[in-house]
């Protein structure tokens, strides 16, 4: 069994709090559409939610680089290369989103 703890574990409660807030923002957006609110007001809230999601993503990426990638680098070159490649692919997905 893999005993590795993910880098974000020490901030898990913070991430869960942020994600619950984002979930609330999504419900608020649904309500705005249901109530036929002004387009620009909805887009403003979409932007805020997107920014919040990006903040979570960046935090998780920093945790991954600081823990998972560093641990892999200590283990072996092959594992380090795999984790760096994985991180680079995640960064590319974030940049495209």
PDB file of N, CA and C in Angstrom:
ATOM      1  N   UNK A   1       0.843  -1.187   0.000  1.00  0.00           N
ATOM      2  CA  UNK A   1       0.000   0.000   0.000  1.00  0.00           C
ATOM      3  C   UNK A   1       0.882   1.242   0.000  1.00  0.00           C
ATOM      4  N   UNK A   2       0.522   2.246  -0.756  1.00  0.00           N
ATOM      5  CA  UNK A   2       1.285   3.487  -0.873  1.00  0.00           C
ATOM      6  C   UNK A   2       1.087   4.328   0.375  1.00  0.00           C
ATOM      7  N   UNK A   3       2.177   4.549   1.118  1.00  0.00           N
ATOM      8  CA  UNK A   3       2.107   5.313   2.362  1.00  0.00           C
ATOM      9  C   UNK A   3       2.376   6.797   2.131  1.00  0.00           C
ATOM     10  N   UNK A   4       2.618   7.191   0.894  1.00  0.00           N
ATOM     11  CA  UNK A   4       2.912   8.590   0.584  1.00  0.00           C
ATOM     12  C   UNK A   4       1.706   9.469   0.890  1.00  0.00           C
ATOM     13  N   UNK A   5       1.959  10.551   1.612  1.00  0.00           N
ATOM     14  CA  UNK A   5       0.890  11.518   1.858  1.00  0.00           C
ATOM     15  C   UNK A   5       1.024  12.629   0.832  1.00  0.00           C
ATOM     16  N   UNK A   6      -0.092  13.029   0.287  1.00  0.00           N
ATOM     17  CA  UNK A   6      -0.089  14.109  -0.691  1.00  0.00           C
ATOM     18  C   UNK A   6       0.321  15.411  -0.014  1.00  0.00           C
ATOM     19  N   UNK A   7       0.988  16.265  -0.778  1.00  0.00           N
ATOM     20  CA  UNK A   7       1.526  17.506  -0.232  1.00  0.00           C
ATOM     21  C   UNK A   7       0.487  18.440   0.364  1.00  0.00           C
ATOM     22  N   UNK A   8      -0.731  18.364  -0.119  1.00  0.00           N
ATOM     23  CA  UNK A   8      -1.764  19.289   0.352  1.00  0.00           C
ATOM     24  C   UNK A   8      -2.399  18.867   1.674  1.00  0.00           C
ATOM     25  N   UNK A   9      -2.082  17.677   2.171  1.00  0.00           N
ATOM     26  CA  UNK A   9      -2.757  17.125   3.348  1.00  0.00           C
ATOM     27  C   UNK A   9      -2.719  18.084   4.537  1.00  0.00           C
ATOM     28  N   UNK A  10      -1.604  18.755   4.750  1.00  0.00           N
ATOM     29  CA  UNK A  10      -1.515  19.656   5.907  1.00  0.00           C
ATOM     30  C   UNK A  10      -2.384  20.901   5.745  1.00  0.00           C
ATOM     31  N   UNK A  11      -2.889  21.146   4.525  1.00  0.00           N
ATOM     32  CA  UNK A  11      -3.799  22.271   4.282  1.00  0.00           C
ATOM     33  C   UNK A  11      -5.149  21.794   3.761  1.00  0.00           C
ATOM     34  N   UNK A  12      -5.456  20.542   3.996  1.00  0.00           N
ATOM     35  CA  UNK A  12      -6.688  19.939   3.478  1.00  0.00           C
ATOM     36  C   UNK A  12      -7.924  20.730   3.887  1.00  0.00           C
ATOM     37  N   UNK A  13      -8.013  21.111   5.162  1.00  0.00           N
ATOM     38  CA  UNK A  13      -9.191  21.850   5.629  1.00  0.00           C
ATOM     39  C   UNK A  13      -9.329  23.181   4.901  1.00  0.00           C
ATOM     40  N   UNK A  14      -8.216  23.848   4.632  1.00  0.00           N
ATOM     41  CA  UNK A  14      -8.239  25.106   3.890  1.00  0.00           C
ATOM     42  C   UNK A  14      -8.756  24.886   2.468  1.00  0.00           C
ATOM     43  N   UNK A  15      -8.264  23.840   1.822  1.00  0.00           N
ATOM     44  CA  UNK A  15      -8.735  23.549   0.464  1.00  0.00           C
ATOM     45  C   UNK A  15     -10.217  23.199   0.450  1.00  0.00           C
ATOM     46  N   UNK A  16     -10.654  22.409   1.426  1.00  0.00           N
ATOM     47  CA  UNK A  16     -12.071  22.057   1.494  1.00  0.00           C
ATOM     48  C   UNK A  16     -12.938  23.289   1.721  1.00  0.00           C
ATOM     49  N   UNK A  17     -12.478  24.197   2.566  1.00  0.00           N
ATOM     50  CA  UNK A  17     -13.210  25.444   2.814  1.00  0.00           C
ATOM     51  C   UNK A  17     -13.317  26.262   1.526  1.00  0.00           C
ATOM     52  N   UNK A  18     -12.215  26.372   0.804  1.00  0.00           N
ATOM     53  CA  UNK A  18     -12.224  27.113  -0.465  1.00  0.00           C
ATOM     54  C   UNK A  18     -13.153  26.472  -1.482  1.00  0.00           C
ATOM     55  N   UNK A  19     -13.101  25.130  -1.562  1.00  0.00           N
ATOM     56  CA  UNK A  19     -13.946  24.425  -2.524  1.00  0.00           C
ATOM     57  C   UNK A  19     -15.423  24.539  -2.172  1.00  0.00           C
ATOM     58  N   UNK A  20     -15.731  24.551  -0.895  1.00  0.00           N
ATOM     59  CA  UNK A  20     -17.138  24.753  -0.495  1.00  0.00           C
ATOM     60  C   UNK A  20     -17.609  26.156  -0.868  1.00  0.00           C
ATOM     61  N   UNK A  21     -16.722  27.128  -0.723  1.00  0.00           N
ATOM     62  CA  UNK A  21     -17.065  28.498  -1.115  1.00  0.00           C
ATOM     63  C   UNK A  21     -17.306  28.564  -2.626  1.00  0.00           C
ATOM     64  N   UNK A  22     -16.468  27.876  -3.392  1.00  0.00           N
ATOM     65  CA  UNK A  22     -16.638  27.833  -4.846  1.00  0.00           C
ATOM     66  C   UNK A  22     -17.948  27.133  -5.205  1.00  0.00           C
ATOM     67  N   UNK A  23     -18.264  26.072  -4.484  1.00  0.00           N
ATOM     68  CA  UNK A  23     -19.535  25.373  -4.701  1.00  0.00           C
ATOM     69  C   UNK A  23     -20.708  26.331  -4.471  1.00  0.00           C
ATOM     70  N   UNK A  24     -20.609  27.144  -3.441  1.00  0.00           N
ATOM     71  CA  UNK A  24     -21.639  28.150  -3.175  1.00  0.00           C
ATOM     72  C   UNK A  24     -21.719  29.172  -4.298  1.00  0.00           C
ATOM     73  N   UNK A  25     -20.564  29.544  -4.831  1.00  0.00           N
ATOM     74  CA  UNK A  25     -20.560  30.483  -5.962  1.00  0.00           C
ATOM     75  C   UNK A  25     -21.260  29.859  -7.166  1.00  0.00           C
ATOM     76  N   UNK A  26     -21.035  28.570  -7.405  1.00  0.00           N
ATOM     77  CA  UNK A  26     -21.688  27.891  -8.531  1.00  0.00           C
ATOM     78  C   UNK A  26     -23.203  27.876  -8.345  1.00  0.00           C
ATOM     79  N   UNK A  27     -23.655  27.602  -7.130  1.00  0.00           N
ATOM     80  CA  UNK A  27     -25.100  27.635  -6.862  1.00  0.00           C
ATOM     81  C   UNK A  27     -25.647  29.048  -7.067  1.00  0.00           C
ATOM     82  N   UNK A  28     -24.868  30.046  -6.657  1.00  0.00           N
ATOM     83  CA  UNK A  28     -25.275  31.432  -6.860  1.00  0.00           C
ATOM     84  C   UNK A  28     -25.396  31.768  -8.336  1.00  0.00           C
ATOM     85  N   UNK A  29     -24.477  31.260  -9.144  1.00  0.00           N
ATOM     86  CA  UNK A  29     -24.551  31.479 -10.587  1.00  0.00           C
ATOM     87  C   UNK A  29     -25.806  30.840 -11.180  1.00  0.00           C
ATOM     88  N   UNK A  30     -26.104  29.639 -10.753  1.00  0.00           N
ATOM     89  CA  UNK A  30     -27.322  28.973 -11.228  1.00  0.00           C
ATOM     90  C   UNK A  30     -28.549  29.800 -10.885  1.00  0.00           C
ATOM     91  N   UNK A  31     -28.574  30.293  -9.669  1.00  0.00           N
ATOM     92  CA  UNK A  31     -29.701  31.112  -9.217  1.00  0.00           C
ATOM     93  C   UNK A  31     -29.810  32.383 -10.048  1.00  0.00           C
ATOM     94  N   UNK A  32     -28.673  32.999 -10.350  1.00  0.00           N
ATOM     95  CA  UNK A  32     -28.684  34.219 -11.161  1.00  0.00           C
ATOM     96  C   UNK A  32     -29.279  33.967 -12.540  1.00  0.00           C
ATOM     97  N   UNK A  33     -28.902  32.831 -13.138  1.00  0.00           N
ATOM     98  CA  UNK A  33     -29.450  32.487 -14.459  1.00  0.00           C
ATOM     99  C   UNK A  33     -30.941  32.198 -14.346  1.00  0.00           C
ATOM    100  N   UNK A  34     -31.313  31.415 -13.329  1.00  0.00           N
ATOM    101  CA  UNK A  34     -32.737  31.112 -13.127  1.00  0.00           C
ATOM    102  C   UNK A  34     -33.561  32.388 -12.968  1.00  0.00           C
ATOM    103  N   UNK A  35     -32.989  33.378 -12.277  1.00  0.00           N
ATOM    104  CA  UNK A  35     -33.689  34.635 -12.021  1.00  0.00           C
ATOM    105  C   UNK A  35     -33.474  35.663 -13.141  1.00  0.00           C
ATOM    106  N   UNK A  36     -32.801  35.213 -14.206  1.00  0.00           N
ATOM    107  CA  UNK A  36     -32.570  36.048 -15.406  1.00  0.00           C
ATOM    108  C   UNK A  36     -31.901  37.378 -15.067  1.00  0.00           C
ATOM    109  N   UNK A  37     -30.833  37.288 -14.282  1.00  0.00           N
ATOM    110  CA  UNK A  37     -30.073  38.490 -13.919  1.00  0.00           C
ATOM    111  C   UNK A  37     -29.323  39.018 -15.135  1.00  0.00           C
ATOM    112  N   UNK A  38     -28.818  40.223 -15.015  1.00  0.00           N
ATOM    113  CA  UNK A  38     -28.094  40.913 -16.079  1.00  0.00           C
ATOM    114  C   UNK A  38     -26.831  40.132 -16.458  1.00  0.00           C
ATOM    115  N   UNK A  39     -26.598  39.976 -17.759  1.00  0.00           N
ATOM    116  CA  UNK A  39     -25.478  39.182 -18.287  1.00  0.00           C
ATOM    117  C   UNK A  39     -24.136  39.567 -17.664  1.00  0.00           C
ATOM    118  N   UNK A  40     -23.851  40.846 -17.588  1.00  0.00           N
ATOM    119  CA  UNK A  40     -22.562  41.318 -17.078  1.00  0.00           C
ATOM    120  C   UNK A  40     -22.398  40.954 -15.610  1.00  0.00           C
ATOM    121  N   UNK A  41     -23.480  40.997 -14.845  1.00  0.00           N
ATOM    122  CA  UNK A  41     -23.410  40.601 -13.446  1.00  0.00           C
ATOM    123  C   UNK A  41     -23.069  39.114 -13.323  1.00  0.00           C
ATOM    124  N   UNK A  42     -23.662  38.297 -14.180  1.00  0.00           N
ATOM    125  CA  UNK A  42     -23.364  36.860 -14.184  1.00  0.00           C
ATOM    126  C   UNK A  42     -21.909  36.632 -14.580  1.00  0.00           C
ATOM    127  N   UNK A  43     -21.463  37.309 -15.624  1.00  0.00           N
ATOM    128  CA  UNK A  43     -20.069  37.162 -16.071  1.00  0.00           C
ATOM    129  C   UNK A  43     -19.081  37.598 -15.000  1.00  0.00           C
ATOM    130  N   UNK A  44     -19.433  38.625 -14.247  1.00  0.00           N
ATOM    131  CA  UNK A  44     -18.575  39.075 -13.149  1.00  0.00           C
ATOM    132  C   UNK A  44     -18.428  37.962 -12.110  1.00  0.00           C
ATOM    133  N   UNK A  45     -19.525  37.281 -11.808  1.00  0.00           N
ATOM    134  CA  UNK A  45     -19.473  36.189 -10.848  1.00  0.00           C
ATOM    135  C   UNK A  45     -18.731  34.976 -11.410  1.00  0.00           C
ATOM    136  N   UNK A  46     -18.875  34.724 -12.707  1.00  0.00           N
ATOM    137  CA  UNK A  46     -18.109  33.644 -13.353  1.00  0.00           C
ATOM    138  C   UNK A  46     -16.617  33.933 -13.218  1.00  0.00           C
ATOM    139  N   UNK A  47     -16.246  35.179 -13.439  1.00  0.00           N
ATOM    140  CA  UNK A  47     -14.843  35.574 -13.317  1.00  0.00           C
ATOM    141  C   UNK A  47     -14.328  35.355 -11.897  1.00  0.00           C
ATOM    142  N   UNK A  48     -15.121  35.711 -10.909  1.00  0.00           N
ATOM    143  CA  UNK A  48     -14.722  35.522  -9.511  1.00  0.00           C
ATOM    144  C   UNK A  48     -14.553  34.037  -9.191  1.00  0.00           C
ATOM    145  N   UNK A  49     -15.461  33.223  -9.691  1.00  0.00           N
ATOM    146  CA  UNK A  49     -15.385  31.783  -9.443  1.00  0.00           C
ATOM    147  C   UNK A  49     -14.165  31.191 -10.142  1.00  0.00           C
ATOM    148  N   UNK A  50     -13.901  31.631 -11.359  1.00  0.00           N
ATOM    149  CA  UNK A  50     -12.737  31.166 -12.105  1.00  0.00           C
ATOM    150  C   UNK A  50     -11.442  31.524 -11.367  1.00  0.00           C
ATOM    151  N   UNK A  51     -11.389  32.739 -10.858  1.00  0.00           N
ATOM    152  CA  UNK A  51     -10.211  33.172 -10.096  1.00  0.00           C
ATOM    153  C   UNK A  51     -10.022  32.308  -8.859  1.00  0.00           C
ATOM    154  N   UNK A  52     -11.110  31.987  -8.176  1.00  0.00           N
ATOM    155  CA  UNK A  52     -11.035  31.144  -6.983  1.00  0.00           C
ATOM    156  C   UNK A  52     -10.547  29.735  -7.330  1.00  0.00           C
ATOM    157  N   UNK A  53     -11.040  29.185  -8.435  1.00  0.00           N
ATOM    158  CA  UNK A  53     -10.587  27.866  -8.876  1.00  0.00           C
ATOM    159  C   UNK A  53      -9.108  27.885  -9.248  1.00  0.00           C
ATOM    160  N   UNK A  54      -8.683  28.943  -9.917  1.00  0.00           N
ATOM    161  CA  UNK A  54      -7.266  29.064 -10.276  1.00  0.00           C
ATOM    162  C   UNK A  54      -6.404  29.141  -9.021  1.00  0.00           C
ATOM    163  N   UNK A  55      -6.863  29.846  -8.001  1.00  0.00           N
ATOM    164  CA  UNK A  55      -6.100  29.939  -6.752  1.00  0.00           C
ATOM    165  C   UNK A  55      -5.938  28.561  -6.115  1.00  0.00           C
ATOM    166  N   UNK A  56      -6.992  27.762  -6.119  1.00  0.00           N
ATOM    167  CA  UNK A  56      -6.901  26.402  -5.596  1.00  0.00           C
ATOM    168  C   UNK A  56      -5.922  25.592  -6.444  1.00  0.00           C
ATOM    169  N   UNK A  57      -6.024  25.717  -7.752  1.00  0.00           N
ATOM    170  CA  UNK A  57      -5.140  24.976  -8.654  1.00  0.00           C
ATOM    171  C   UNK A  57      -3.674  25.324  -8.422  1.00  0.00           C
ATOM    172  N   UNK A  58      -3.383  26.602  -8.316  1.00  0.00           N
ATOM    173  CA  UNK A  58      -1.999  27.039  -8.094  1.00  0.00           C
ATOM    174  C   UNK A  58      -1.494  26.525  -6.753  1.00  0.00           C
ATOM    175  N   UNK A  59      -2.321  26.591  -5.734  1.00  0.00           N
ATOM    176  CA  UNK A  59      -1.930  26.080  -4.425  1.00  0.00           C
ATOM    177  C   UNK A  59      -1.616  24.594  -4.470  1.00  0.00           C
ATOM    178  N   UNK A  60      -2.478  23.823  -5.115  1.00  0.00           N
ATOM    179  CA  UNK A  60      -2.245  22.386  -5.240  1.00  0.00           C
ATOM    180  C   UNK A  60      -0.987  22.101  -6.046  1.00  0.00           C
ATOM    181  N   UNK A  61      -0.758  22.875  -7.088  1.00  0.00           N
ATOM    182  CA  UNK A  61       0.440  22.699  -7.904  1.00  0.00           C
ATOM    183  C   UNK A  61       1.696  22.993  -7.086  1.00  0.00           C
ATOM    184  N   UNK A  62       1.669  24.060  -6.303  1.00  0.00           N
ATOM    185  CA  UNK A  62       2.813  24.385  -5.447  1.00  0.00           C
ATOM    186  C   UNK A  62       3.074  23.259  -4.444  1.00  0.00           C
ATOM    187  N   UNK A  63       1.998  22.727  -3.861  1.00  0.00           N
ATOM    188  CA  UNK A  63       2.145  21.619  -2.915  1.00  0.00           C
ATOM    189  C   UNK A  63       2.746  20.397  -3.615  1.00  0.00           C
ATOM    190  N   UNK A  64       2.274  20.133  -4.824  1.00  0.00           N
ATOM    191  CA  UNK A  64       2.769  18.985  -5.594  1.00  0.00           C
ATOM    192  C   UNK A  64       4.261  19.146  -5.886  1.00  0.00           C
ATOM    193  N   UNK A  65       4.640  20.318  -6.333  1.00  0.00           N
ATOM    194  CA  UNK A  65       6.049  20.553  -6.657  1.00  0.00           C
ATOM    195  C   UNK A  65       6.916  20.468  -5.397  1.00  0.00           C
ATOM    196  N   UNK A  66       6.437  21.042  -4.315  1.00  0.00           N
ATOM    197  CA  UNK A  66       7.222  21.094  -3.091  1.00  0.00           C
ATOM    198  C   UNK A  66       7.314  19.784  -2.333  1.00  0.00           C
ATOM    199  N   UNK A  67       6.394  18.882  -2.596  1.00  0.00           N
ATOM    200  CA  UNK A  67       6.403  17.613  -1.864  1.00  0.00           C
ATOM    201  C   UNK A  67       6.591  16.421  -2.803  1.00  0.00           C
ATOM    202  N   UNK A  68       5.635  16.199  -3.677  1.00  0.00           N
ATOM    203  CA  UNK A  68       5.662  15.000  -4.519  1.00  0.00           C
ATOM    204  C   UNK A  68       6.865  14.989  -5.461  1.00  0.00           C
ATOM    205  N   UNK A  69       7.127  16.109  -6.118  1.00  0.00           N
ATOM    206  CA  UNK A  69       8.247  16.166  -7.057  1.00  0.00           C
ATOM    207  C   UNK A  69       9.576  16.095  -6.302  1.00  0.00           C
ATOM    208  N   UNK A  70       9.669  16.825  -5.204  1.00  0.00           N
ATOM    209  CA  UNK A  70      10.907  16.791  -4.406  1.00  0.00           C
ATOM    210  C   UNK A  70      11.155  15.393  -3.862  1.00  0.00           C
ATOM    211  N   UNK A  71      10.111  14.744  -3.338  1.00  0.00           N
ATOM    212  CA  UNK A  71      10.272  13.379  -2.835  1.00  0.00           C
ATOM    213  C   UNK A  71      10.712  12.427  -3.946  1.00  0.00           C
ATOM    214  N   UNK A  72      10.132  12.570  -5.132  1.00  0.00           N
ATOM    215  CA  UNK A  72      10.515  11.719  -6.259  1.00  0.00           C
ATOM    216  C   UNK A  72      11.968  11.967  -6.651  1.00  0.00           C
ATOM    217  N   UNK A  73      12.393  13.238  -6.620  1.00  0.00           N
ATOM    218  CA  UNK A  73      13.775  13.566  -6.973  1.00  0.00           C
ATOM    219  C   UNK A  73      14.754  12.924  -5.980  1.00  0.00           C
ATOM    220  N   UNK A  74      14.353  12.839  -4.727  1.00  0.00           N
ATOM    221  CA  UNK A  74      15.195  12.197  -3.715  1.00  0.00           C
ATOM    222  C   UNK A  74      15.259  10.687  -3.926  1.00  0.00           C
ATOM    223  N   UNK A  75      14.208  10.142  -4.512  1.00  0.00           N
ATOM    224  CA  UNK A  75      14.103   8.703  -4.694  1.00  0.00           C
ATOM    225  C   UNK A  75      14.943   8.205  -5.872  1.00  0.00           C
ATOM    226  N   UNK A  76      14.698   8.775  -7.064  1.00  0.00           N
ATOM    227  CA  UNK A  76      15.454   8.350  -8.251  1.00  0.00           C
ATOM    228  C   UNK A  76      15.248   9.350  -9.381  1.00  0.00           C
ATOM    229  N   UNK A  77      16.179   9.337 -10.318  1.00  0.00           N
ATOM    230  CA  UNK A  77      16.070  10.215 -11.482  1.00  0.00           C
ATOM    231  C   UNK A  77      14.824   9.888 -12.303  1.00  0.00           C
ATOM    232  N   UNK A  78      14.545   8.592 -12.461  1.00  0.00           N
ATOM    233  CA  UNK A  78      13.380   8.172 -13.250  1.00  0.00           C
ATOM    234  C   UNK A  78      12.088   8.695 -12.622  1.00  0.00           C
ATOM    235  N   UNK A  79      11.941   8.522 -11.308  1.00  0.00           N
ATOM    236  CA  UNK A  79      10.738   9.007 -10.635  1.00  0.00           C
ATOM    237  C   UNK A  79      10.643  10.521 -10.720  1.00  0.00           C
ATOM    238  N   UNK A  80      11.771  11.199 -10.591  1.00  0.00           N
ATOM    239  CA  UNK A  80      11.787  12.660 -10.689  1.00  0.00           C
ATOM    240  C   UNK A  80      11.320  13.099 -12.071  1.00  0.00           C
ATOM    241  N   UNK A  81      11.840  12.452 -13.102  1.00  0.00           N
ATOM    242  CA  UNK A  81      11.443  12.810 -14.468  1.00  0.00           C
ATOM    243  C   UNK A  81       9.949  12.592 -14.685  1.00  0.00           C
ATOM    244  N   UNK A  82       9.411  11.506 -14.141  1.00  0.00           N
ATOM    245  CA  UNK A  82       7.979  11.230 -14.277  1.00  0.00           C
ATOM    246  C   UNK A  82       7.147  12.311 -13.590  1.00  0.00           C
ATOM    247  N   UNK A  83       7.536  12.696 -12.379  1.00  0.00           N
ATOM    248  CA  UNK A  83       6.783  13.710 -11.632  1.00  0.00           C
ATOM    249  C   UNK A  83       6.894  15.087 -12.275  1.00  0.00           C
ATOM    250  N   UNK A  84       8.061  15.412 -12.803  1.00  0.00           N
ATOM    251  CA  UNK A  84       8.224  16.703 -13.482  1.00  0.00           C
ATOM    252  C   UNK A  84       7.369  16.730 -14.746  1.00  0.00           C
ATOM    253  N   UNK A  85       7.364  15.635 -15.496  1.00  0.00           N
ATOM    254  CA  UNK A  85       6.532  15.549 -16.703  1.00  0.00           C
ATOM    255  C   UNK A  85       5.053  15.688 -16.344  1.00  0.00           C
ATOM    256  N   UNK A  86       4.652  15.000 -15.307  1.00  0.00           N
ATOM    257  CA  UNK A  86       3.267  15.065 -14.828  1.00  0.00           C
ATOM    258  C   UNK A  86       2.906  16.506 -14.436  1.00  0.00           C
ATOM    259  N   UNK A  87       3.802  17.172 -13.719  1.00  0.00           N
ATOM    260  CA  UNK A  87       3.563  18.558 -13.309  1.00  0.00           C
ATOM    261  C   UNK A  87       3.502  19.480 -14.522  1.00  0.00           C
ATOM    262  N   UNK A  88       4.397  19.286 -15.478  1.00  0.00           N
ATOM    263  CA  UNK A  88       4.395  20.123 -16.685  1.00  0.00           C
ATOM    264  C   UNK A  88       3.088  19.970 -17.453  1.00  0.00           C
ATOM    265  N   UNK A  89       2.587  18.747 -17.525  1.00  0.00           N
ATOM    266  CA  UNK A  89       1.301  18.513 -18.209  1.00  0.00           C
ATOM    267  C   UNK A  89       0.164  19.197 -17.458  1.00  0.00           C
ATOM    268  N   UNK A  90       0.202  19.158 -16.137  1.00  0.00           N
ATOM    269  CA  UNK A  90      -0.828  19.826 -15.335  1.00  0.00           C
ATOM    270  C   UNK A  90      -0.753  21.337 -15.538  1.00  0.00           C
ATOM    271  N   UNK A  91       0.450  21.883 -15.591  1.00  0.00           N
ATOM    272  CA  UNK A  91       0.625  23.321 -15.828  1.00  0.00           C
ATOM    273  C   UNK A  91       0.068  23.687 -17.200  1.00  0.00           C
ATOM    274  N   UNK A  92       0.358  22.864 -18.191  1.00  0.00           N
ATOM    275  CA  UNK A  92      -0.150  23.139 -19.543  1.00  0.00           C
ATOM    276  C   UNK A  92      -1.671  23.137 -19.559  1.00  0.00           C
ATOM    277  N   UNK A  93      -2.290  22.206 -18.851  1.00  0.00           N
ATOM    278  CA  UNK A  93      -3.768  22.191 -18.776  1.00  0.00           C
ATOM    279  C   UNK A  93      -4.296  23.447 -18.096  1.00  0.00           C
ATOM    280  N   UNK A  94      -3.629  23.872 -17.046  1.00  0.00           N
ATOM    281  CA  UNK A  94      -4.059  25.095 -16.342  1.00  0.00           C
ATOM    282  C   UNK A  94      -3.932  26.321 -17.233  1.00  0.00           C
ATOM    283  N   UNK A  95      -2.840  26.401 -17.974  1.00  0.00           N
ATOM    284  CA  UNK A  95      -2.622  27.565 -18.840  1.00  0.00           C
ATOM    285  C   UNK A  95      -3.681  27.593 -19.938  1.00  0.00           C
ATOM    286  N   UNK A  96      -4.069  26.439 -20.441  1.00  0.00           N
ATOM    287  CA  UNK A  96      -5.080  26.393 -21.518  1.00  0.00           C
ATOM    288  C   UNK A  96      -6.487  26.652 -20.985  1.00  0.00           C
ATOM    289  N   UNK A  97      -6.696  26.496 -19.684  1.00  0.00           N
ATOM    290  CA  UNK A  97      -8.056  26.645 -19.150  1.00  0.00           C
ATOM    291  C   UNK A  97      -8.436  28.098 -18.937  1.00  0.00           C
TER     292      UNK A  97
END
